[in-house]
C-alpha atoms as a PDB file:
ATOM      1  CA  MET A   1     114.036  13.973  14.661  1.00  0.00           C
ATOM      2  CA  TYR A   2     111.851  11.879  16.929  1.00  0.00           C
ATOM      3  CA  LEU A   3     109.616  13.487  19.603  1.00  0.00           C
ATOM      4  CA  PRO A   4     107.768  11.099  21.915  1.00  0.00           C
ATOM      5  CA  VAL A   5     104.091  11.725  22.669  1.00  0.00           C
ATOM      6  CA  LEU A   6     103.334  12.044  26.379  1.00  0.00           C
ATOM      7  CA  ALA A   7      99.680  11.093  26.639  1.00  0.00           C
ATOM      8  CA  ASP A   8      99.847  10.368  30.361  1.00  0.00           C
ATOM      9  CA  ASN A   9     101.026  13.828  31.422  1.00  0.00           C
ATOM     10  CA  ALA A  10      99.137  15.891  28.848  1.00  0.00           C
ATOM     11  CA  ARG A  11      96.860  18.606  30.121  1.00  0.00           C
ATOM     12  CA  GLU A  12      94.838  21.309  28.475  1.00  0.00           C
ATOM     13  CA  VAL A  13      96.495  24.698  28.459  1.00  0.00           C
ATOM     14  CA  GLY A  14      94.339  27.789  28.628  1.00  0.00           C
ATOM     15  CA  PRO A  15      94.203  31.165  30.255  1.00  0.00           C
ATOM     16  CA  LYS A  16      94.941  31.200  33.950  1.00  0.00           C
ATOM     17  CA  PRO A  17      91.964  32.016  36.135  1.00  0.00           C
ATOM     18  CA  GLU A  18      91.983  35.549  37.492  1.00  0.00           C
ATOM     19  CA  THR A  19      93.122  35.701  41.077  1.00  0.00           C
ATOM     20  CA  GLY A  20      93.425  38.537  43.515  1.00  0.00           C
ATOM     21  CA  LYS A  21      91.991  41.906  42.562  1.00  0.00           C
ATOM     22  CA  VAL A  22      88.603  41.964  40.854  1.00  0.00           C
ATOM     23  CA  ARG A  23      88.853  43.559  37.427  1.00  0.00           C
ATOM     24  CA  ALA A  24      86.335  46.126  36.253  1.00  0.00           C
ATOM     25  CA  ALA A  25      84.329  45.225  33.178  1.00  0.00           C
ATOM     26  CA  GLU A  26      82.367  48.374  32.359  1.00  0.00           C
ATOM     27  CA  THR A  27      82.799  50.301  29.126  1.00  0.00           C
ATOM     28  CA  VAL A  28      83.946  53.916  29.455  1.00  0.00           C
ATOM     29  CA  LEU A  29      83.781  56.558  26.721  1.00  0.00           C
ATOM     30  CA  VAL A  30      86.718  58.996  26.832  1.00  0.00           C
ATOM     31  CA  ALA A  31      86.343  62.232  24.841  1.00  0.00           C
ATOM     32  CA  GLU A  32      89.560  64.234  24.892  1.00  0.00           C
ATOM     33  CA  ASP A  33      90.979  66.331  22.048  1.00  0.00           C
ATOM     34  CA  GLU A  34      94.611  66.223  23.222  1.00  0.00           C
ATOM     35  CA  ASP A  35      96.204  62.997  21.941  1.00  0.00           C
ATOM     36  CA  LEU A  36      98.635  62.613  24.842  1.00  0.00           C
ATOM     37  CA  VAL A  37      95.995  63.192  27.522  1.00  0.00           C
ATOM     38  CA  ARG A  38      93.578  60.823  25.761  1.00  0.00           C
ATOM     39  CA  SER A  39      96.216  58.092  25.520  1.00  0.00           C
ATOM     40  CA  VAL A  40      97.083  58.476  29.222  1.00  0.00           C
ATOM     41  CA  LEU A  41      93.399  58.183  30.164  1.00  0.00           C
ATOM     42  CA  VAL A  42      92.955  55.136  27.948  1.00  0.00           C
ATOM     43  CA  ARG A  43      96.051  53.477  29.435  1.00  0.00           C
ATOM     44  CA  ILE A  44      94.998  54.159  33.050  1.00  0.00           C
ATOM     45  CA  LEU A  45      91.444  52.894  32.529  1.00  0.00           C
ATOM     46  CA  THR A  46      92.475  49.878  30.447  1.00  0.00           C
ATOM     47  CA  LYS A  47      95.047  48.851  33.052  1.00  0.00           C
ATOM     48  CA  ALA A  48      92.283  49.093  35.677  1.00  0.00           C
ATOM     49  CA  GLY A  49      90.275  46.635  33.576  1.00  0.00           C
ATOM     50  CA  TYR A  50      87.761  48.917  31.902  1.00  0.00           C
ATOM     51  CA  GLN A  51      86.849  48.644  28.232  1.00  0.00           C
ATOM     52  CA  VAL A  52      87.644  52.058  26.764  1.00  0.00           C
ATOM     53  CA  LEU A  53      86.234  53.776  23.682  1.00  0.00           C
ATOM     54  CA  PRO A  54      88.390  56.829  22.866  1.00  0.00           C
ATOM     55  CA  ALA A  55      87.059  59.837  20.959  1.00  0.00           C
ATOM     56  CA  GLU A  56      89.207  62.713  19.700  1.00  0.00           C
ATOM     57  CA  ASN A  57      86.360  65.248  19.800  1.00  0.00           C
ATOM     58  CA  GLY A  58      82.733  65.795  20.746  1.00  0.00           C
ATOM     59  CA  ALA A  59      81.277  64.647  17.421  1.00  0.00           C
ATOM     60  CA  ALA A  60      83.209  61.356  17.615  1.00  0.00           C
ATOM     61  CA  ALA A  61      82.017  60.912  21.211  1.00  0.00           C
ATOM     62  CA  LEU A  62      78.374  61.334  20.167  1.00  0.00           C
ATOM     63  CA  LYS A  63      78.826  58.841  17.325  1.00  0.00           C
ATOM     64  CA  LEU A  64      80.416  56.238  19.625  1.00  0.00           C
ATOM     65  CA  CYS A  65      77.715  56.755  22.238  1.00  0.00           C
ATOM     66  CA  ARG A  66      74.983  56.152  19.648  1.00  0.00           C
ATOM     67  CA  GLU A  67      76.733  53.002  18.404  1.00  0.00           C
ATOM     68  CA  HIS A  68      77.593  51.418  21.772  1.00  0.00           C
ATOM     69  CA  ASP A  69      74.747  50.767  24.206  1.00  0.00           C
ATOM     70  CA  GLU A  70      77.207  49.157  26.610  1.00  0.00           C
ATOM     71  CA  ILE A  71      78.812  52.490  27.547  1.00  0.00           C
ATOM     72  CA  ALA A  72      78.371  52.857  31.295  1.00  0.00           C
ATOM     73  CA  LEU A  73      80.201  56.160  31.822  1.00  0.00           C
ATOM     74  CA  ALA A  74      81.419  59.109  29.748  1.00  0.00           C
ATOM     75  CA  ILE A  75      84.561  61.040  30.645  1.00  0.00           C
ATOM     76  CA  LEU A  76      84.373  64.337  28.797  1.00  0.00           C
ATOM     77  CA  ASP A  77      86.970  67.059  28.421  1.00  0.00           C
ATOM     78  CA  VAL A  78      85.289  70.364  29.233  1.00  0.00           C
ATOM     79  CA  VAL A  79      87.109  72.358  26.531  1.00  0.00           C
ATOM     80  CA  MET A  80      87.104  70.768  23.065  1.00  0.00           C
ATOM     81  CA  PRO A  81      86.790  72.367  19.634  1.00  0.00           C
ATOM     82  CA  ASP A  82      83.311  72.428  18.061  1.00  0.00           C
ATOM     83  CA  LEU A  83      81.409  70.710  20.907  1.00  0.00           C
ATOM     84  CA  SER A  84      82.456  71.199  24.520  1.00  0.00           C
ATOM     85  CA  GLY A  85      82.118  68.434  27.097  1.00  0.00           C
ATOM     86  CA  PRO A  86      78.957  69.986  28.579  1.00  0.00           C
ATOM     87  CA  GLN A  87      77.432  70.292  25.080  1.00  0.00           C
ATOM     88  CA  VAL A  88      78.259  66.632  24.340  1.00  0.00           C
ATOM     89  CA  TYR A  89      76.685  65.635  27.656  1.00  0.00           C
ATOM     90  CA  GLU A  90      73.526  67.598  26.859  1.00  0.00           C
ATOM     91  CA  GLN A  91      73.219  65.802  23.496  1.00  0.00           C
ATOM     92  CA  ILE A  92      73.906  62.365  25.014  1.00  0.00           C
ATOM     93  CA  GLN A  93      71.156  62.894  27.579  1.00  0.00           C
ATOM     94  CA  LYS A  94      68.620  63.170  24.726  1.00  0.00           C
ATOM     95  CA  PHE A  95      69.165  59.563  23.621  1.00  0.00           C
ATOM     96  CA  ARG A  96      70.867  58.055  26.707  1.00  0.00           C
ATOM     97  CA  PRO A  97      69.149  59.793  29.647  1.00  0.00           C
ATOM     98  CA  GLY A  98      70.858  59.127  32.934  1.00  0.00           C
ATOM     99  CA  LEU A  99      74.235  58.109  31.471  1.00  0.00           C
ATOM    100  CA  PRO A 100      76.712  59.307  34.090  1.00  0.00           C
ATOM    101  CA  ALA A 101      79.594  61.571  33.117  1.00  0.00           C
ATOM    102  CA  LEU A 102      82.764  62.915  34.634  1.00  0.00           C
ATOM    103  CA  PHE A 103      84.246  66.133  33.304  1.00  0.00           C
ATOM    104  CA  CYS A 104      87.945  66.881  33.119  1.00  0.00           C
ATOM    105  CA  SER A 105      89.696  70.189  32.661  1.00  0.00           C
ATOM    106  CA  GLY A 106      93.042  71.880  33.016  1.00  0.00           C
ATOM    107  CA  TYR A 107      91.145  74.698  34.730  1.00  0.00           C
ATOM    108  CA  ASN A 108      90.307  74.372  38.429  1.00  0.00           C
ATOM    109  CA  ASP A 109      86.899  75.827  37.678  1.00  0.00           C
ATOM    110  CA  ALA A 110      85.152  75.025  34.378  1.00  0.00           C
ATOM    111  CA  SER A 111      83.374  78.380  34.411  1.00  0.00           C
ATOM    112  CA  ARG A 112      86.788  80.034  33.998  1.00  0.00           C
ATOM    113  CA  ALA A 113      86.972  78.307  30.628  1.00  0.00           C
ATOM    114  CA  GLY A 114      83.543  79.729  29.800  1.00  0.00           C
ATOM    115  CA  HIS A 115      81.607  76.483  30.262  1.00  0.00           C
ATOM    116  CA  GLN A 116      78.790  75.686  32.658  1.00  0.00           C
ATOM    117  CA  LEU A 117      78.755  72.114  33.972  1.00  0.00           C
ATOM    118  CA  PRO A 118      75.486  70.312  34.710  1.00  0.00           C
ATOM    119  CA  ASP A 119      74.255  70.492  38.312  1.00  0.00           C
ATOM    120  CA  GLY A 120      76.044  67.984  40.520  1.00  0.00           C
ATOM    121  CA  ALA A 121      78.746  67.267  37.911  1.00  0.00           C
ATOM    122  CA  THR A 122      82.128  66.018  39.046  1.00  0.00           C
ATOM    123  CA  LEU A 123      85.131  67.924  37.696  1.00  0.00           C
ATOM    124  CA  ILE A 124      88.499  66.156  37.657  1.00  0.00           C
ATOM    125  CA  SER A 125      91.538  68.394  37.268  1.00  0.00           C
ATOM    126  CA  LYS A 126      94.362  67.784  34.820  1.00  0.00           C
ATOM    127  CA  PRO A 127      96.986  66.566  35.346  1.00  0.00           C
ATOM    128  CA  PHE A 128      95.269  63.483  36.702  1.00  0.00           C
ATOM    129  CA  ASP A 129      95.992  61.859  39.995  1.00  0.00           C
ATOM    130  CA  LEU A 130      95.707  58.138  39.175  1.00  0.00           C
ATOM    131  CA  GLU A 131      93.953  57.074  42.377  1.00  0.00           C
ATOM    132  CA  ASP A 132      91.670  60.111  42.384  1.00  0.00           C
ATOM    133  CA  LEU A 133      90.602  59.450  38.792  1.00  0.00           C
ATOM    134  CA  LEU A 134      89.857  55.762  39.412  1.00  0.00           C
ATOM    135  CA  ARG A 135      88.007  56.592  42.645  1.00  0.00           C
ATOM    136  CA  HIS A 136      85.748  59.056  40.801  1.00  0.00           C
ATOM    137  CA  VAL A 137      85.117  56.477  38.053  1.00  0.00           C
ATOM    138  CA  ARG A 138      84.131  53.828  40.610  1.00  0.00           C
ATOM    139  CA  ILE A 139      81.871  56.263  42.490  1.00  0.00           C
ATOM    140  CA  ALA A 140      80.100  57.375  39.281  1.00  0.00           C
ATOM    141  CA  LEU A 141      79.562  53.781  38.123  1.00  0.00           C
ATOM    142  CA  LYS A 142      78.349  52.658  41.545  1.00  0.00           C
ATOM    143  CA  ARG A 143      75.959  55.613  41.813  1.00  0.00           C
ATOM    144  CA  ALA A 144      74.605  54.858  38.304  1.00  0.00           C
ATOM    145  CA  SER A 145      74.055  51.169  39.089  1.00  0.00           C
ATOM    146  CA  HIS A 146      72.035  52.115  42.191  1.00  0.00           C
ATOM    147  CA  HIS A 147      69.861  54.447  40.125  1.00  0.00           C
ATOM    148  CA  GLY A 148      69.197  51.854  37.425  1.00  0.00           C
ATOM    149  CA  ALA A 149      70.898  53.872  34.697  1.00  0.00           C
END
């Protein structure tokens, strides 16, 4: 078989430049003990352009946070076995002070689950509203970038 070489019309092929919507680039830690909920969160955030580090519990979240300085935001389930979201947040603040966090819960009020959220914390209810979740993520990241965190 003979295939002619087309030197005149050859061009370099590479990834197409991004057009349209600006993609997010920040890294988000997601600590959620329910596999399905965690996978939904990861899919939503990844599709929005975020780098996502999933953790199946509080201990895994702490480990990832210690290993990845690039984490810009933590999304923490309020109710997890062993370490709750607020307990994970308290520990993170010891070595990453100022790291912003969003808390998520199937309860409308975290105190009903027996957990006290930090002052000024944002609670996102499960099931998630896609636009609401992404809006809260953008607000938290923007607020953190203005505070130099």
